[in-house]
Amino acid sequence: MWFGLQREGRSSFGHDGGDSGVATVCFFDPCADVGVVALANGNWRPVRGDYAPYLIMDRLFDAAPGLG
């Protein structure tokens, strides 16, 4: 199911998911016209109080030209 997400002052929509040993995120920021996809071999375990795939997604958005 696609859903909206507010993180780091950014509004995006997308999807996350996974299976045993896999975690994925795919989100799009329509205001910036930028999307990110992160696929990882791992589970949705908390890292510093947040989930690692979301932390990776935040860094990818920050690295996008014009957003960082």
N, C-alpha and C. Protein backbone atom coordinates (compact mmCIF):
# COMPACT_ATOMS: atom_id res chain seq x y z
N MET A 1 0.84 -1.17 0.00
CA MET A 1 0.00 0.00 0.00
C MET A 1 0.89 1.25 0.00
N TRP A 2 0.60 2.19 -0.85
CA TRP A 2 1.31 3.47 -0.92
C TRP A 2 0.79 4.39 0.19
N PHE A 3 1.68 5.20 0.76
CA PHE A 3 1.27 6.11 1.83
C PHE A 3 2.15 7.34 1.85
N GLY A 4 1.65 8.39 2.50
CA GLY A 4 2.41 9.62 2.66
C GLY A 4 3.33 9.52 3.86
N LEU A 5 4.45 10.24 3.81
CA LEU A 5 5.44 10.19 4.88
C LEU A 5 6.04 11.57 5.09
N GLN A 6 6.12 12.00 6.34
CA GLN A 6 6.77 13.25 6.73
C GLN A 6 8.04 12.89 7.47
N ARG A 7 9.20 13.27 6.91
CA ARG A 7 10.49 13.04 7.55
C ARG A 7 11.42 14.18 7.21
N GLU A 8 12.19 14.62 8.20
CA GLU A 8 13.22 15.63 7.95
C GLU A 8 12.64 16.86 7.25
N GLY A 9 11.38 17.22 7.54
CA GLY A 9 10.75 18.37 6.92
C GLY A 9 10.35 18.15 5.47
N ARG A 10 10.36 16.93 5.03
CA ARG A 10 10.06 16.59 3.63
C ARG A 10 8.77 15.78 3.58
N SER A 11 7.88 16.14 2.67
CA SER A 11 6.67 15.35 2.42
C SER A 11 6.90 14.49 1.20
N SER A 12 6.71 13.21 1.35
CA SER A 12 6.89 12.29 0.23
C SER A 12 5.80 11.23 0.30
N PHE A 13 5.69 10.46 -0.77
CA PHE A 13 4.80 9.32 -0.73
C PHE A 13 5.50 8.15 -1.38
N GLY A 14 5.13 6.95 -0.94
CA GLY A 14 5.79 5.78 -1.49
C GLY A 14 5.37 4.52 -0.79
N HIS A 15 6.32 3.60 -0.69
CA HIS A 15 6.03 2.27 -0.18
C HIS A 15 7.29 1.71 0.47
N ASP A 16 7.10 0.93 1.51
CA ASP A 16 8.21 0.19 2.09
C ASP A 16 7.79 -1.25 2.26
N GLY A 17 8.74 -2.10 2.51
CA GLY A 17 8.40 -3.50 2.70
C GLY A 17 9.63 -4.34 2.89
N GLY A 18 9.43 -5.61 2.89
CA GLY A 18 10.55 -6.51 3.06
C GLY A 18 10.07 -7.92 3.32
N ASP A 19 11.03 -8.76 3.51
CA ASP A 19 10.82 -10.16 3.81
C ASP A 19 11.97 -10.57 4.71
N SER A 20 12.04 -11.79 5.09
CA SER A 20 13.11 -12.23 5.96
C SER A 20 14.46 -11.93 5.32
N GLY A 21 15.23 -11.02 5.93
CA GLY A 21 16.55 -10.66 5.42
C GLY A 21 16.58 -9.57 4.38
N VAL A 22 15.44 -8.94 4.10
CA VAL A 22 15.37 -7.90 3.07
C VAL A 22 14.53 -6.73 3.59
N ALA A 23 14.99 -5.50 3.34
CA ALA A 23 14.24 -4.30 3.68
C ALA A 23 14.32 -3.33 2.51
N THR A 24 13.19 -2.72 2.13
CA THR A 24 13.16 -1.83 0.97
C THR A 24 12.34 -0.58 1.26
N VAL A 25 12.72 0.52 0.60
CA VAL A 25 11.93 1.76 0.60
C VAL A 25 11.96 2.34 -0.80
N CYS A 26 10.85 2.94 -1.19
CA CYS A 26 10.72 3.60 -2.49
C CYS A 26 9.80 4.80 -2.28
N PHE A 27 10.36 6.03 -2.29
CA PHE A 27 9.56 7.22 -2.01
C PHE A 27 9.87 8.32 -3.01
N PHE A 28 8.87 9.18 -3.21
CA PHE A 28 8.95 10.27 -4.17
C PHE A 28 8.54 11.57 -3.50
N ASP A 29 9.35 12.61 -3.68
CA ASP A 29 9.04 13.95 -3.19
C ASP A 29 8.53 14.76 -4.38
N PRO A 30 7.22 14.96 -4.52
CA PRO A 30 6.68 15.64 -5.70
C PRO A 30 7.07 17.11 -5.78
N CYS A 31 7.32 17.77 -4.66
CA CYS A 31 7.71 19.18 -4.69
C CYS A 31 9.11 19.34 -5.30
N ALA A 32 10.00 18.41 -5.02
CA ALA A 32 11.37 18.48 -5.53
C ALA A 32 11.53 17.69 -6.82
N ASP A 33 10.52 16.91 -7.18
CA ASP A 33 10.57 16.05 -8.37
C ASP A 33 11.74 15.07 -8.29
N VAL A 34 11.91 14.48 -7.09
CA VAL A 34 13.00 13.53 -6.84
C VAL A 34 12.44 12.31 -6.13
N GLY A 35 12.89 11.15 -6.54
CA GLY A 35 12.52 9.91 -5.88
C GLY A 35 13.76 9.12 -5.51
N VAL A 36 13.64 8.29 -4.49
CA VAL A 36 14.74 7.43 -4.07
C VAL A 36 14.23 6.01 -3.85
N VAL A 37 15.13 5.06 -4.11
CA VAL A 37 14.86 3.65 -3.86
C VAL A 37 16.05 3.08 -3.12
N ALA A 38 15.80 2.37 -2.05
CA ALA A 38 16.87 1.71 -1.30
C ALA A 38 16.47 0.26 -1.04
N LEU A 39 17.34 -0.64 -1.42
CA LEU A 39 17.15 -2.07 -1.19
C LEU A 39 18.30 -2.55 -0.32
N ALA A 40 18.00 -3.26 0.75
CA ALA A 40 19.06 -3.69 1.65
C ALA A 40 18.87 -5.14 2.08
N ASN A 41 19.98 -5.82 2.24
CA ASN A 41 19.90 -7.14 2.84
C ASN A 41 20.02 -6.96 4.35
N GLY A 42 18.91 -7.07 4.99
CA GLY A 42 18.81 -6.87 6.42
C GLY A 42 17.35 -6.84 6.80
N ASN A 43 17.09 -6.63 8.07
CA ASN A 43 15.72 -6.55 8.55
C ASN A 43 15.43 -5.14 9.06
N TRP A 44 14.20 -4.90 9.36
CA TRP A 44 13.76 -3.60 9.87
C TRP A 44 14.08 -3.48 11.35
N ARG A 45 15.37 -3.43 11.66
CA ARG A 45 15.78 -3.28 13.05
C ARG A 45 16.07 -1.81 13.35
N PRO A 46 15.71 -1.37 14.55
CA PRO A 46 16.01 0.03 14.90
C PRO A 46 17.51 0.30 14.99
N VAL A 47 17.91 1.47 14.49
CA VAL A 47 19.27 1.97 14.59
C VAL A 47 19.16 3.39 15.14
N ARG A 48 19.72 3.64 16.31
CA ARG A 48 19.61 4.96 16.96
C ARG A 48 18.16 5.44 17.03
N GLY A 49 17.24 4.52 17.33
CA GLY A 49 15.83 4.88 17.50
C GLY A 49 15.05 5.03 16.21
N ASP A 50 15.64 4.68 15.07
CA ASP A 50 14.96 4.78 13.78
C ASP A 50 15.30 3.54 12.97
N TYR A 51 14.60 3.34 11.88
CA TYR A 51 14.87 2.18 11.04
C TYR A 51 15.91 2.51 9.99
N ALA A 52 16.90 1.63 9.83
CA ALA A 52 18.03 1.86 8.92
C ALA A 52 17.59 2.20 7.50
N PRO A 53 16.61 1.51 6.89
CA PRO A 53 16.23 1.88 5.52
C PRO A 53 15.74 3.33 5.41
N TYR A 54 15.06 3.83 6.44
CA TYR A 54 14.62 5.23 6.40
C TYR A 54 15.81 6.18 6.56
N LEU A 55 16.79 5.81 7.38
CA LEU A 55 17.98 6.64 7.52
C LEU A 55 18.74 6.70 6.20
N ILE A 56 18.82 5.58 5.50
CA ILE A 56 19.45 5.55 4.18
C ILE A 56 18.67 6.42 3.21
N MET A 57 17.35 6.31 3.22
CA MET A 57 16.50 7.11 2.35
C MET A 57 16.72 8.61 2.61
N ASP A 58 16.80 9.02 3.87
CA ASP A 58 17.04 10.42 4.20
C ASP A 58 18.35 10.91 3.59
N ARG A 59 19.39 10.11 3.67
CA ARG A 59 20.70 10.49 3.11
C ARG A 59 20.64 10.58 1.59
N LEU A 60 19.89 9.68 0.96
CA LEU A 60 19.76 9.73 -0.50
C LEU A 60 19.04 11.00 -0.93
N PHE A 61 17.96 11.36 -0.22
CA PHE A 61 17.27 12.62 -0.54
C PHE A 61 18.22 13.80 -0.33
N ASP A 62 18.99 13.79 0.76
CA ASP A 62 19.92 14.89 1.04
C ASP A 62 21.00 15.01 -0.03
N ALA A 63 21.38 13.89 -0.64
CA ALA A 63 22.43 13.91 -1.66
C ALA A 63 21.91 14.28 -3.04
N ALA A 64 20.60 14.35 -3.21
CA ALA A 64 20.03 14.67 -4.54
C ALA A 64 20.37 16.12 -4.89
N PRO A 65 20.74 16.38 -6.13
CA PRO A 65 21.07 17.74 -6.55
C PRO A 65 19.93 18.71 -6.24
N GLY A 66 20.29 19.82 -5.61
CA GLY A 66 19.32 20.85 -5.30
C GLY A 66 18.56 20.63 -4.01
N LEU A 67 18.75 19.47 -3.33
CA LEU A 67 18.02 19.22 -2.08
C LEU A 67 18.91 19.25 -0.87
N GLY A 68 20.18 18.93 -1.00
CA GLY A 68 21.08 18.80 0.16
C GLY A 68 21.51 20.12 0.72
